[in-house]
Amino acid sequence: MKSFGYAAPAADKPLAPFSFERREPLPTDVAIDILYCGVCHSDLHTARGEWGGTQFPCCPGHEIVGR
C-alpha cells in the first residue's frame, strides 16, 4: 500500500515529503484514512536524533485525525 508523509532523512535535515510502502491491512487491523497529523516536541527530539536510537528516514507524528 503506497503511503505518504513527511520524514527527516537525517538528524540534521528538515522534514521533507516522503513516500513508503506499507503492508495491506490484516483482518484484525483497523484501517484509518489519516487526514491530519500533529507533530509534537517529542517527535522533533526523535527526528533530530536527540534521544538516540532513531532510524532514518524518520517519519514523526502520532497525534492523528482521520476517518
C-alpha atoms as a PDB file:
ATOM      1  CA  MET A   1       0.000   0.000   0.000  1.00  0.00           C
ATOM      2  CA  LYS A   2       1.561   3.289  -1.122  1.00  0.00           C
ATOM      3  CA  SER A   3       1.712   5.785   1.777  1.00  0.00           C
ATOM      4  CA  PHE A   4       2.831   9.392   2.033  1.00  0.00           C
ATOM      5  CA  GLY A   5       4.150  11.565   4.843  1.00  0.00           C
ATOM      6  CA  TYR A   6       6.974  13.878   5.841  1.00  0.00           C
ATOM      7  CA  ALA A   7      10.255  12.425   7.039  1.00  0.00           C
ATOM      8  CA  ALA A   8      13.652  13.592   8.236  1.00  0.00           C
ATOM      9  CA  PRO A   9      16.257  11.883   6.014  1.00  0.00           C
ATOM     10  CA  ALA A  10      18.934  12.539   8.678  1.00  0.00           C
ATOM     11  CA  ALA A  11      19.178  14.195  12.099  1.00  0.00           C
ATOM     12  CA  ASP A  12      20.466  17.449  10.586  1.00  0.00           C
ATOM     13  CA  LYS A  13      17.945  17.629   7.712  1.00  0.00           C
ATOM     14  CA  PRO A  14      14.434  19.169   7.710  1.00  0.00           C
ATOM     15  CA  LEU A  15      11.267  17.152   7.202  1.00  0.00           C
ATOM     16  CA  ALA A  16      10.527  16.602   3.513  1.00  0.00           C
ATOM     17  CA  PRO A  17       7.831  14.766   1.503  1.00  0.00           C
ATOM     18  CA  PHE A  18       8.348  11.006   1.745  1.00  0.00           C
ATOM     19  CA  SER A  19       6.588   8.010   0.204  1.00  0.00           C
ATOM     20  CA  PHE A  20       6.844   4.464   1.504  1.00  0.00           C
ATOM     21  CA  GLU A  21       5.181   1.057   1.209  1.00  0.00           C
ATOM     22  CA  ARG A  22       3.044  -0.425   3.978  1.00  0.00           C
ATOM     23  CA  ARG A  23       1.586  -3.908   4.083  1.00  0.00           C
ATOM     24  CA  GLU A  24      -2.102  -4.318   3.351  1.00  0.00           C
ATOM     25  CA  PRO A  25      -4.310  -4.266   6.487  1.00  0.00           C
ATOM     26  CA  LEU A  26      -4.984  -7.660   8.049  1.00  0.00           C
ATOM     27  CA  PRO A  27      -8.475  -8.734   9.190  1.00  0.00           C
ATOM     28  CA  THR A  28      -7.634  -7.775  12.793  1.00  0.00           C
ATOM     29  CA  ASP A  29      -6.226  -4.328  11.863  1.00  0.00           C
ATOM     30  CA  VAL A  30      -8.124  -1.050  11.922  1.00  0.00           C
ATOM     31  CA  ALA A  31      -7.714   0.976   8.718  1.00  0.00           C
ATOM     32  CA  ILE A  32      -7.888   4.763   9.153  1.00  0.00           C
ATOM     33  CA  ASP A  33      -7.804   7.385   6.423  1.00  0.00           C
ATOM     34  CA  ILE A  34      -5.486   9.887   8.135  1.00  0.00           C
ATOM     35  CA  LEU A  35      -6.438  13.459   7.282  1.00  0.00           C
ATOM     36  CA  TYR A  36      -4.160  15.405   9.656  1.00  0.00           C
ATOM     37  CA  CYS A  37      -1.227  14.653  11.934  1.00  0.00           C
ATOM     38  CA  GLY A  38       0.251  16.782  14.676  1.00  0.00           C
ATOM     39  CA  VAL A  39       3.979  16.829  15.331  1.00  0.00           C
ATOM     40  CA  CYS A  40       4.720  17.465  18.998  1.00  0.00           C
ATOM     41  CA  HIS A  41       8.044  18.432  20.546  1.00  0.00           C
ATOM     42  CA  SER A  42       8.919  14.826  21.445  1.00  0.00           C
ATOM     43  CA  ASP A  43       8.561  13.978  17.725  1.00  0.00           C
ATOM     44  CA  LEU A  44      11.093  16.715  16.919  1.00  0.00           C
ATOM     45  CA  HIS A  45      13.541  15.340  19.517  1.00  0.00           C
ATOM     46  CA  THR A  46      13.209  11.936  17.846  1.00  0.00           C
ATOM     47  CA  ALA A  47      13.582  13.306  14.291  1.00  0.00           C
ATOM     48  CA  ARG A  48      16.713  15.210  15.368  1.00  0.00           C
ATOM     49  CA  GLY A  49      18.190  12.063  16.920  1.00  0.00           C
ATOM     50  CA  GLU A  50      18.487  13.791  20.302  1.00  0.00           C
ATOM     51  CA  TRP A  51      17.402  10.742  22.305  1.00  0.00           C
ATOM     52  CA  GLY A  52      19.480   8.203  20.397  1.00  0.00           C
ATOM     53  CA  GLY A  53      18.285   5.126  18.570  1.00  0.00           C
ATOM     54  CA  THR A  54      16.464   6.976  15.771  1.00  0.00           C
ATOM     55  CA  GLN A  55      16.432   5.108  12.470  1.00  0.00           C
ATOM     56  CA  PHE A  56      16.403   7.294   9.368  1.00  0.00           C
ATOM     57  CA  PRO A  57      14.468   8.226   7.418  1.00  0.00           C
ATOM     58  CA  CYS A  58      12.286   9.112  10.412  1.00  0.00           C
ATOM     59  CA  CYS A  59       8.607   9.907   9.793  1.00  0.00           C
ATOM     60  CA  PRO A  60       7.451  11.505  13.090  1.00  0.00           C
ATOM     61  CA  GLY A  61       3.906  12.168  14.252  1.00  0.00           C
ATOM     62  CA  HIS A  62       1.462  10.172  16.329  1.00  0.00           C
ATOM     63  CA  GLU A  63      -1.384  12.597  17.056  1.00  0.00           C
ATOM     64  CA  ILE A  64      -3.740  11.865  14.167  1.00  0.00           C
ATOM     65  CA  VAL A  65      -7.204  12.849  12.982  1.00  0.00           C
ATOM     66  CA  GLY A  66      -8.890  10.585  10.483  1.00  0.00           C
ATOM     67  CA  ARG A  67     -11.997   8.779   9.432  1.00  0.00           C
END
